[in-house]
C-alpha atoms as a PDB file:
ATOM      1  CA  ILE A   1     -20.836 -12.157  15.336  1.00  0.00           C
ATOM      2  CA  GLU A   2     -19.178  -8.983  16.686  1.00  0.00           C
ATOM      3  CA  LYS A   3     -18.968  -9.061  20.502  1.00  0.00           C
ATOM      4  CA  GLU A   4     -18.283  -6.195  22.828  1.00  0.00           C
ATOM      5  CA  GLY A   5     -14.524  -5.302  22.422  1.00  0.00           C
ATOM      6  CA  ASP A   6     -14.130  -6.682  19.168  1.00  0.00           C
ATOM      7  CA  ILE A   7     -11.972  -4.620  16.877  1.00  0.00           C
ATOM      8  CA  ILE A   8     -13.474  -4.919  13.151  1.00  0.00           C
ATOM      9  CA  LEU A   9     -10.849  -3.954  10.510  1.00  0.00           C
ATOM     10  CA  THR A  10     -11.808  -3.811   6.934  1.00  0.00           C
ATOM     11  CA  ALA A  11      -9.493  -3.553   3.696  1.00  0.00           C
ATOM     12  CA  VAL A  12      -9.900  -2.826   0.263  1.00  0.00           C
ATOM     13  CA  GLY A  13      -7.456  -2.891  -2.605  1.00  0.00           C
ATOM     14  CA  ASP A  14      -6.145   0.125  -4.901  1.00  0.00           C
ATOM     15  CA  MET A  15      -8.276   3.170  -4.491  1.00  0.00           C
ATOM     16  CA  ILE A  16      -8.296   5.079  -7.933  1.00  0.00           C
ATOM     17  CA  TYR A  17     -11.376   7.424  -8.255  1.00  0.00           C
ATOM     18  CA  ASN A  18     -12.461   9.702 -10.895  1.00  0.00           C
ATOM     19  CA  GLU A  19     -15.868  10.510  -9.410  1.00  0.00           C
ATOM     20  CA  GLU A  20     -17.651  10.665  -6.131  1.00  0.00           C
ATOM     21  CA  ILE A  21     -19.125   7.036  -5.315  1.00  0.00           C
ATOM     22  CA  SER A  22     -20.873   7.686  -1.925  1.00  0.00           C
ATOM     23  CA  GLN A  23     -23.842   9.028  -3.785  1.00  0.00           C
ATOM     24  CA  PHE A  24     -24.621   5.612  -5.390  1.00  0.00           C
ATOM     25  CA  THR A  25     -27.781   4.405  -4.107  1.00  0.00           C
ATOM     26  CA  GLU A  26     -27.775   0.800  -5.332  1.00  0.00           C
ATOM     27  CA  PRO A  27     -28.270  -1.583  -2.389  1.00  0.00           C
ATOM     28  CA  TYR A  28     -24.994  -3.206  -2.785  1.00  0.00           C
ATOM     29  CA  TYR A  29     -23.009  -0.041  -2.688  1.00  0.00           C
ATOM     30  CA  LYS A  30     -25.101   0.808   0.502  1.00  0.00           C
ATOM     31  CA  ASN A  31     -24.136  -2.367   2.069  1.00  0.00           C
ATOM     32  CA  LEU A  32     -20.547  -1.974   1.041  1.00  0.00           C
ATOM     33  CA  TYR A  33     -20.475   1.535   2.737  1.00  0.00           C
ATOM     34  CA  ARG A  34     -22.173   0.130   6.013  1.00  0.00           C
ATOM     35  CA  ILE A  35     -19.471  -2.486   6.100  1.00  0.00           C
ATOM     36  CA  LEU A  36     -16.566   0.256   5.889  1.00  0.00           C
ATOM     37  CA  GLN A  37     -18.307   2.815   8.062  1.00  0.00           C
ATOM     38  CA  ASP A  38     -18.966   0.564  10.801  1.00  0.00           C
ATOM     39  CA  ALA A  39     -15.538  -0.788  11.086  1.00  0.00           C
ATOM     40  CA  ARG A  40     -13.072   0.653  13.645  1.00  0.00           C
ATOM     41  CA  ILE A  41     -10.169   0.855  11.048  1.00  0.00           C
ATOM     42  CA  SER A  42     -11.094   0.841   7.158  1.00  0.00           C
ATOM     43  CA  TYR A  43      -7.823   0.672   5.109  1.00  0.00           C
ATOM     44  CA  GLY A  44      -7.108   1.003   1.428  1.00  0.00           C
ATOM     45  CA  ASN A  45      -4.179   1.687  -0.822  1.00  0.00           C
ATOM     46  CA  LEU A  46      -4.479   5.234  -1.975  1.00  0.00           C
ATOM     47  CA  GLU A  47      -3.071   4.876  -5.460  1.00  0.00           C
ATOM     48  CA  MET A  48      -3.565   8.498  -6.688  1.00  0.00           C
ATOM     49  CA  SER A  49      -2.695  11.902  -5.427  1.00  0.00           C
ATOM     50  CA  LEU A  50      -4.825  14.474  -3.658  1.00  0.00           C
ATOM     51  CA  ASN A  51      -3.617  18.041  -4.636  1.00  0.00           C
ATOM     52  CA  GLU A  52      -4.385  21.551  -5.554  1.00  0.00           C
ATOM     53  CA  LYS A  53      -1.566  21.480  -8.301  1.00  0.00           C
ATOM     54  CA  PRO A  54      -3.096  20.155 -11.559  1.00  0.00           C
ATOM     55  CA  GLU A  55      -0.183  22.017 -13.410  1.00  0.00           C
ATOM     56  CA  LEU A  56       2.307  19.530 -11.999  1.00  0.00           C
ATOM     57  CA  GLN A  57       0.712  16.540 -13.897  1.00  0.00           C
ATOM     58  CA  ARG A  58       3.372  14.445 -15.368  1.00  0.00           C
ATOM     59  CA  GLY A  59       3.748  10.971 -17.175  1.00  0.00           C
ATOM     60  CA  THR A  60       1.301   9.193 -19.065  1.00  0.00           C
ATOM     61  CA  TYR A  61      -1.156   8.403 -16.284  1.00  0.00           C
ATOM     62  CA  GLN A  62      -2.121  11.188 -13.678  1.00  0.00           C
ATOM     63  CA  PHE A  63      -4.273   9.746 -11.303  1.00  0.00           C
ATOM     64  CA  GLY A  64      -5.519  12.747  -8.950  1.00  0.00           C
ATOM     65  CA  MET A  65      -8.383  14.732  -7.412  1.00  0.00           C
ATOM     66  CA  GLY A  66      -8.636  17.916  -5.562  1.00  0.00           C
ATOM     67  CA  ARG A  67      -8.556  18.702  -1.858  1.00  0.00           C
ATOM     68  CA  GLU A  68     -12.314  18.387  -1.358  1.00  0.00           C
ATOM     69  CA  PHE A  69     -12.121  14.706  -2.377  1.00  0.00           C
ATOM     70  CA  ALA A  70     -10.500  13.885   0.908  1.00  0.00           C
ATOM     71  CA  TRP A  71     -13.938  14.264   2.435  1.00  0.00           C
ATOM     72  CA  GLU A  72     -15.213  11.903   0.038  1.00  0.00           C
ATOM     73  CA  ILE A  73     -12.824   9.182   1.402  1.00  0.00           C
ATOM     74  CA  VAL A  74     -13.950  10.039   4.860  1.00  0.00           C
ATOM     75  CA  LYS A  75     -17.490   9.762   4.121  1.00  0.00           C
ATOM     76  CA  LEU A  76     -16.911   6.174   2.706  1.00  0.00           C
ATOM     77  CA  GLY A  77     -15.442   5.459   6.056  1.00  0.00           C
ATOM     78  CA  ILE A  78     -11.729   5.016   5.096  1.00  0.00           C
ATOM     79  CA  ASN A  79      -9.433   6.419   7.849  1.00  0.00           C
ATOM     80  CA  LEU A  80      -6.169   4.543   7.163  1.00  0.00           C
ATOM     81  CA  VAL A  81      -4.349   4.610   3.826  1.00  0.00           C
ATOM     82  CA  SER A  82      -1.006   3.459   2.311  1.00  0.00           C
ATOM     83  CA  LEU A  83       0.767   5.797  -0.012  1.00  0.00           C
ATOM     84  CA  ALA A  84       3.800   3.704  -1.130  1.00  0.00           C
ATOM     85  CA  ASN A  85       2.877   2.913  -4.765  1.00  0.00           C
ATOM     86  CA  ASN A  86       3.807   4.094  -8.314  1.00  0.00           C
ATOM     87  CA  HIS A  87       1.227   7.024  -8.357  1.00  0.00           C
ATOM     88  CA  SER A  88       1.923   9.074  -5.269  1.00  0.00           C
ATOM     89  CA  LEU A  89       4.368  11.001  -7.147  1.00  0.00           C
ATOM     90  CA  ASP A  90       2.381  11.633 -10.319  1.00  0.00           C
ATOM     91  CA  TYR A  91       2.480  15.385  -9.540  1.00  0.00           C
ATOM     92  CA  GLY A  92       6.195  15.298  -8.112  1.00  0.00           C
ATOM     93  CA  THR A  93       7.383  15.967  -4.898  1.00  0.00           C
ATOM     94  CA  GLU A  94       5.344  19.403  -4.488  1.00  0.00           C
ATOM     95  CA  GLY A  95       2.210  17.285  -5.261  1.00  0.00           C
ATOM     96  CA  LEU A  96       3.076  14.789  -2.866  1.00  0.00           C
ATOM     97  CA  LYS A  97       3.587  17.372  -0.004  1.00  0.00           C
ATOM     98  CA  ASP A  98       0.209  18.621  -0.829  1.00  0.00           C
ATOM     99  CA  CYS A  99      -1.303  15.202  -0.647  1.00  0.00           C
ATOM    100  CA  LEU A 100       0.276  14.616   2.820  1.00  0.00           C
ATOM    101  CA  ARG A 101      -1.128  18.033   3.978  1.00  0.00           C
ATOM    102  CA  ILE A 102      -4.628  17.289   2.783  1.00  0.00           C
ATOM    103  CA  LEU A 103      -4.709  13.730   4.303  1.00  0.00           C
ATOM    104  CA  ARG A 104      -3.686  15.296   7.733  1.00  0.00           C
ATOM    105  CA  GLN A 105      -6.259  18.057   7.739  1.00  0.00           C
ATOM    106  CA  SER A 106      -8.905  15.274   6.900  1.00  0.00           C
ATOM    107  CA  GLY A 107      -7.858  13.077   9.700  1.00  0.00           C
ATOM    108  CA  ILE A 108      -6.900  10.229   7.516  1.00  0.00           C
ATOM    109  CA  ARG A 109      -3.773   8.291   8.767  1.00  0.00           C
ATOM    110  CA  TYR A 110      -1.198   7.446   6.159  1.00  0.00           C
ATOM    111  CA  ALA A 111       2.058   5.418   5.811  1.00  0.00           C
ATOM    112  CA  GLY A 112       4.603   4.832   3.184  1.00  0.00           C
ATOM    113  CA  ALA A 113       5.214   8.630   2.008  1.00  0.00           C
ATOM    114  CA  GLY A 114       6.656  11.505   3.940  1.00  0.00           C
ATOM    115  CA  LEU A 115       8.485  14.829   3.757  1.00  0.00           C
ATOM    116  CA  ASN A 116      11.669  12.722   3.700  1.00  0.00           C
ATOM    117  CA  LEU A 117      12.832   9.033   3.291  1.00  0.00           C
ATOM    118  CA  ALA A 118      12.917   8.518   7.009  1.00  0.00           C
ATOM    119  CA  GLN A 119       9.306   9.598   7.662  1.00  0.00           C
ATOM    120  CA  ALA A 120       8.349   7.462   4.674  1.00  0.00           C
ATOM    121  CA  ARG A 121       9.616   4.249   6.210  1.00  0.00           C
ATOM    122  CA  ALA A 122       8.435   5.301   9.679  1.00  0.00           C
ATOM    123  CA  GLY A 123       4.823   4.373   9.180  1.00  0.00           C
ATOM    124  CA  THR A 124       1.687   5.530  11.259  1.00  0.00           C
ATOM    125  CA  SER A 125      -0.083   4.381  14.190  1.00  0.00           C
ATOM    126  CA  MET A 126      -3.609   4.460  15.738  1.00  0.00           C
ATOM    127  CA  GLN A 127      -5.169   3.183  18.901  1.00  0.00           C
ATOM    128  CA  VAL A 128      -8.592   1.205  19.141  1.00  0.00           C
ATOM    129  CA  PHE A 129      -9.746   0.743  22.681  1.00  0.00           C
ATOM    130  CA  LYS A 130      -6.737  -0.767  24.380  1.00  0.00           C
ATOM    131  CA  THR A 131      -4.962  -2.156  21.136  1.00  0.00           C
ATOM    132  CA  ARG A 132      -2.396  -0.053  19.213  1.00  0.00           C
ATOM    133  CA  PHE A 133      -2.292  -0.588  15.584  1.00  0.00           C
ATOM    134  CA  ALA A 134       0.761   0.278  13.276  1.00  0.00           C
ATOM    135  CA  LEU A 135       0.832   0.661   9.519  1.00  0.00           C
ATOM    136  CA  VAL A 136       4.298   0.226   7.617  1.00  0.00           C
ATOM    137  CA  SER A 137       3.981   0.541   3.767  1.00  0.00           C
ATOM    138  CA  PHE A 138       6.684  -0.260   1.014  1.00  0.00           C
ATOM    139  CA  TYR A 139       6.560  -0.208  -2.846  1.00  0.00           C
ATOM    140  CA  LEU A 140       8.352  -2.415  -5.245  1.00  0.00           C
ATOM    141  CA  PRO A 141      10.065  -1.592  -7.694  1.00  0.00           C
ATOM    142  CA  GLY A 142      11.176   1.846  -6.895  1.00  0.00           C
ATOM    143  CA  ARG A 143      14.280   3.900  -6.013  1.00  0.00           C
ATOM    144  CA  ASN A 144      14.696   7.066  -3.982  1.00  0.00           C
ATOM    145  CA  THR A 145      17.095   9.511  -5.444  1.00  0.00           C
ATOM    146  CA  ASN A 146      17.280  12.154  -2.686  1.00  0.00           C
ATOM    147  CA  PRO A 147      16.318  10.886   0.902  1.00  0.00           C
ATOM    148  CA  ASN A 148      16.017  14.539   2.177  1.00  0.00           C
ATOM    149  CA  GLU A 149      13.144  15.315  -0.103  1.00  0.00           C
ATOM    150  CA  PRO A 150       9.373  14.145  -0.092  1.00  0.00           C
ATOM    151  CA  SER A 151       9.777  10.381  -0.599  1.00  0.00           C
ATOM    152  CA  VAL A 152       8.034   7.134  -0.883  1.00  0.00           C
ATOM    153  CA  ALA A 153       9.299   4.084   0.983  1.00  0.00           C
ATOM    154  CA  THR A 154      10.547   1.723  -1.776  1.00  0.00           C
ATOM    155  CA  LEU A 155      12.522  -1.527  -2.339  1.00  0.00           C
ATOM    156  CA  GLU A 156      14.782  -1.459  -5.284  1.00  0.00           C
ATOM    157  CA  PHE A 157      14.619  -4.240  -7.740  1.00  0.00           C
ATOM    158  CA  PRO A 158      17.693  -4.526  -9.743  1.00  0.00           C
ATOM    159  CA  LYS A 159      18.731  -6.870 -12.550  1.00  0.00           C
ATOM    160  CA  VAL A 160      21.235  -9.456 -11.659  1.00  0.00           C
ATOM    161  CA  LEU A 161      23.121 -11.662 -14.193  1.00  0.00           C
ATOM    162  CA  ILE A 162      23.487 -15.441 -13.255  1.00  0.00           C
ATOM    163  CA  LYS A 163      25.974 -17.450 -15.104  1.00  0.00           C
ATOM    164  CA  LYS A 164      24.753 -21.154 -15.503  1.00  0.00           C
ATOM    165  CA  PRO A 165      26.668 -24.356 -15.457  1.00  0.00           C
ATOM    166  CA  ASP A 166      26.556 -24.453 -19.453  1.00  0.00           C
ATOM    167  CA  ASP A 167      28.427 -20.766 -19.254  1.00  0.00           C
ATOM    168  CA  SER A 168      24.952 -19.230 -20.616  1.00  0.00           C
ATOM    169  CA  VAL A 169      23.951 -16.016 -18.905  1.00  0.00           C
ATOM    170  CA  GLU A 170      20.501 -15.403 -17.472  1.00  0.00           C
ATOM    171  CA  SER A 171      19.149 -12.033 -16.320  1.00  0.00           C
ATOM    172  CA  ILE A 172      16.796 -12.009 -13.227  1.00  0.00           C
ATOM    173  CA  ASN A 173      15.409  -9.419 -10.905  1.00  0.00           C
ATOM    174  CA  ALA A 174      16.471  -9.528  -7.218  1.00  0.00           C
ATOM    175  CA  VAL A 175      15.348  -7.170  -4.499  1.00  0.00           C
ATOM    176  CA  SER A 176      17.841  -5.065  -2.918  1.00  0.00           C
ATOM    177  CA  GLU A 177      19.324  -6.521   0.234  1.00  0.00           C
ATOM    178  CA  ALA A 178      19.645  -3.003   1.901  1.00  0.00           C
ATOM    179  CA  ASP A 179      16.123  -2.056   1.164  1.00  0.00           C
ATOM    180  CA  VAL A 180      14.883  -5.269   2.651  1.00  0.00           C
ATOM    181  CA  LYS A 181      16.771  -4.602   5.748  1.00  0.00           C
ATOM    182  CA  ALA A 182      15.492  -1.064   5.933  1.00  0.00           C
ATOM    183  CA  MET A 183      11.867  -2.855   5.566  1.00  0.00           C
ATOM    184  CA  GLU A 184      12.713  -5.120   8.370  1.00  0.00           C
ATOM    185  CA  ASP A 185      13.843  -2.254  10.762  1.00  0.00           C
ATOM    186  CA  ALA A 186      10.762  -0.228   9.971  1.00  0.00           C
ATOM    187  CA  ILE A 187       8.648  -3.341  11.217  1.00  0.00           C
ATOM    188  CA  VAL A 188      10.744  -3.921  14.161  1.00  0.00           C
ATOM    189  CA  LEU A 189      10.463  -0.208  15.396  1.00  0.00           C
ATOM    190  CA  ALA A 190       6.678  -0.238  14.590  1.00  0.00           C
ATOM    191  CA  LYS A 191       6.297  -3.332  16.739  1.00  0.00           C
ATOM    192  CA  ARG A 192       8.111  -1.838  19.737  1.00  0.00           C
ATOM    193  CA  SER A 193       5.056   0.590  20.365  1.00  0.00           C
ATOM    194  CA  ALA A 194       2.237  -1.385  18.646  1.00  0.00           C
ATOM    195  CA  ASP A 195       0.262  -4.453  19.561  1.00  0.00           C
ATOM    196  CA  ILE A 196      -0.628  -5.268  15.860  1.00  0.00           C
ATOM    197  CA  VAL A 197       1.551  -4.254  12.888  1.00  0.00           C
ATOM    198  CA  ILE A 198      -0.087  -4.176   9.501  1.00  0.00           C
ATOM    199  CA  PHE A 199       2.425  -4.383   6.576  1.00  0.00           C
ATOM    200  CA  HIS A 200       1.486  -3.183   3.185  1.00  0.00           C
ATOM    201  CA  LEU A 201       3.471  -3.824   0.091  1.00  0.00           C
ATOM    202  CA  HIS A 202       2.558  -2.382  -3.373  1.00  0.00           C
ATOM    203  CA  ILE A 203       4.060  -4.553  -6.234  1.00  0.00           C
ATOM    204  CA  HIS A 204       3.735  -2.890  -9.549  1.00  0.00           C
ATOM    205  CA  ASP A 205       3.198  -6.058 -11.452  1.00  0.00           C
ATOM    206  CA  LEU A 206       2.177  -5.234 -14.901  1.00  0.00           C
ATOM    207  CA  SER A 207       1.255  -8.923 -15.849  1.00  0.00           C
ATOM    208  CA  HIS A 208      -2.393  -7.913 -15.935  1.00  0.00           C
ATOM    209  CA  SER A 209      -1.671  -5.225 -18.664  1.00  0.00           C
ATOM    210  CA  ASN A 210      -0.905  -7.743 -21.285  1.00  0.00           C
ATOM    211  CA  ALA A 211      -3.846 -10.035 -20.527  1.00  0.00           C
ATOM    212  CA  ILE A 212      -6.076 -10.935 -23.560  1.00  0.00           C
ATOM    213  CA  THR A 213      -8.825 -12.288 -21.209  1.00  0.00           C
ATOM    214  CA  PRO A 214      -8.973 -12.271 -17.521  1.00  0.00           C
ATOM    215  CA  LEU A 215      -8.192 -15.982 -17.471  1.00  0.00           C
ATOM    216  CA  SER A 216      -4.680 -15.125 -18.966  1.00  0.00           C
ATOM    217  CA  VAL A 217      -3.775 -12.978 -15.948  1.00  0.00           C
ATOM    218  CA  ARG A 218      -1.001 -14.455 -13.946  1.00  0.00           C
ATOM    219  CA  SER A 219      -2.573 -15.810 -10.639  1.00  0.00           C
ATOM    220  CA  SER A 220       0.464 -17.071  -8.999  1.00  0.00           C
ATOM    221  CA  VAL A 221       2.605 -15.252  -6.353  1.00  0.00           C
ATOM    222  CA  THR A 222       6.262 -14.793  -7.405  1.00  0.00           C
ATOM    223  CA  PRO A 223       9.057 -16.167  -5.309  1.00  0.00           C
ATOM    224  CA  VAL A 224      10.271 -12.868  -4.599  1.00  0.00           C
ATOM    225  CA  HIS A 225       6.844 -11.562  -3.333  1.00  0.00           C
ATOM    226  CA  SER A 226       6.664 -14.525  -1.100  1.00  0.00           C
ATOM    227  CA  LEU A 227      10.102 -14.016   0.283  1.00  0.00           C
ATOM    228  CA  ILE A 228       9.521 -10.335   1.072  1.00  0.00           C
ATOM    229  CA  ALA A 229       6.126 -11.398   2.774  1.00  0.00           C
ATOM    230  CA  HIS A 230       7.831 -14.084   5.020  1.00  0.00           C
ATOM    231  CA  LYS A 231      10.771 -11.793   5.950  1.00  0.00           C
ATOM    232  CA  ALA A 232       7.914  -9.009   7.094  1.00  0.00           C
ATOM    233  CA  VAL A 233       6.396 -11.622   9.263  1.00  0.00           C
ATOM    234  CA  ASP A 234       9.815 -12.760  10.731  1.00  0.00           C
ATOM    235  CA  ALA A 235      10.492  -9.261  11.551  1.00  0.00           C
ATOM    236  CA  GLY A 236       7.088  -8.932  13.442  1.00  0.00           C
ATOM    237  CA  ALA A 237       4.374  -8.027  10.966  1.00  0.00           C
ATOM    238  CA  ASP A 238       1.078  -9.310  12.086  1.00  0.00           C
ATOM    239  CA  ILE A 239      -1.335  -8.710   9.186  1.00  0.00           C
ATOM    240  CA  LEU A 240      -0.003  -8.377   5.526  1.00  0.00           C
ATOM    241  CA  ILE A 241      -2.113  -6.509   3.139  1.00  0.00           C
ATOM    242  CA  HIS A 242      -0.618  -6.443  -0.484  1.00  0.00           C
ATOM    243  CA  ASN A 243      -1.740  -5.126  -3.921  1.00  0.00           C
ATOM    244  CA  GLY A 244      -0.729  -3.849  -7.114  1.00  0.00           C
ATOM    245  CA  PRO A 245      -1.417  -6.482  -9.686  1.00  0.00           C
ATOM    246  CA  HIS A 246      -4.988  -5.322 -10.058  1.00  0.00           C
ATOM    247  CA  VAL A 247      -6.206  -8.933  -9.579  1.00  0.00           C
ATOM    248  CA  LEU A 248      -7.262 -11.140  -6.630  1.00  0.00           C
ATOM    249  CA  ARG A 249      -4.346 -13.378  -5.420  1.00  0.00           C
ATOM    250  CA  ALA A 250      -3.748 -15.914  -2.752  1.00  0.00           C
ATOM    251  CA  ILE A 251      -4.256 -15.708   0.952  1.00  0.00           C
ATOM    252  CA  GLU A 252      -1.522 -17.543   2.866  1.00  0.00           C
ATOM    253  CA  PHE A 253      -1.035 -18.042   6.542  1.00  0.00           C
ATOM    254  CA  TYR A 254       2.551 -17.936   7.611  1.00  0.00           C
ATOM    255  CA  LYS A 255       3.443 -18.771  11.189  1.00  0.00           C
ATOM    256  CA  GLY A 256      -0.231 -18.048  11.955  1.00  0.00           C
ATOM    257  CA  LYS A 257      -0.151 -14.471  10.317  1.00  0.00           C
ATOM    258  CA  PRO A 258      -2.473 -13.773   7.294  1.00  0.00           C
ATOM    259  CA  ILE A 259      -0.887 -12.699   4.142  1.00  0.00           C
ATOM    260  CA  PHE A 260      -3.329 -11.249   1.466  1.00  0.00           C
ATOM    261  CA  TYR A 261      -1.015 -11.346  -1.616  1.00  0.00           C
ATOM    262  CA  SER A 262      -3.421  -8.928  -3.790  1.00  0.00           C
ATOM    263  CA  LEU A 263      -6.797  -7.296  -2.735  1.00  0.00           C
ATOM    264  CA  SER A 264      -7.207  -6.158  -6.429  1.00  0.00           C
ATOM    265  CA  ASN A 265      -9.201  -2.873  -6.758  1.00  0.00           C
END
């Protein structure tokens, strides 16, 4: 039961739209919208681009809508989004610049992308009553080629060769130590001016794409994912909201902090 002074935060998973949904009148949709609209903070991972540059589409999948669709997001109640994911650059750096401008004009706070890499890592903040929240957002795996142009905050995930005792060699993925340090620094800086730091991590996990049935989707959390989450908490994160696999995954409490390993879609 909500009491006076309580702060309600809602969170959804990956947001990929191809039509307006606020017009749906079914009771279960209306109830969902009420929950989002009544919250002080309603968060989602905007895994698409809002821009006026359709000619810049590139790649196999282009998830994007025009400038006016920002008002649809506002109408749903979403006021805080993460942009560190594998579709923010579907329309290149110019498309990303357009998206950032549209979000600012619509009053939607964002983190995980910026006009340069430093801005992308810096995150954003908002105050509710006397409590100040900050959002820091990163994406794995990714690599920034030019830190001085529009960027997404990424964690590189290079291949590492491991020699076993029997002299055989195994190739494994290992997250970049320098990028993890940058992530930790971003959380530490955000914590200096915020009471509660929300850390978003988008893991581009394709285990769902080879699934024949829903039951064959990998439901376990990988050791690397768990390692990054724990390091984020150790650096000062208070709430961890992760997504990317497009399936629901575990909820863990680490040092008293909730980690949502995937909120699906």
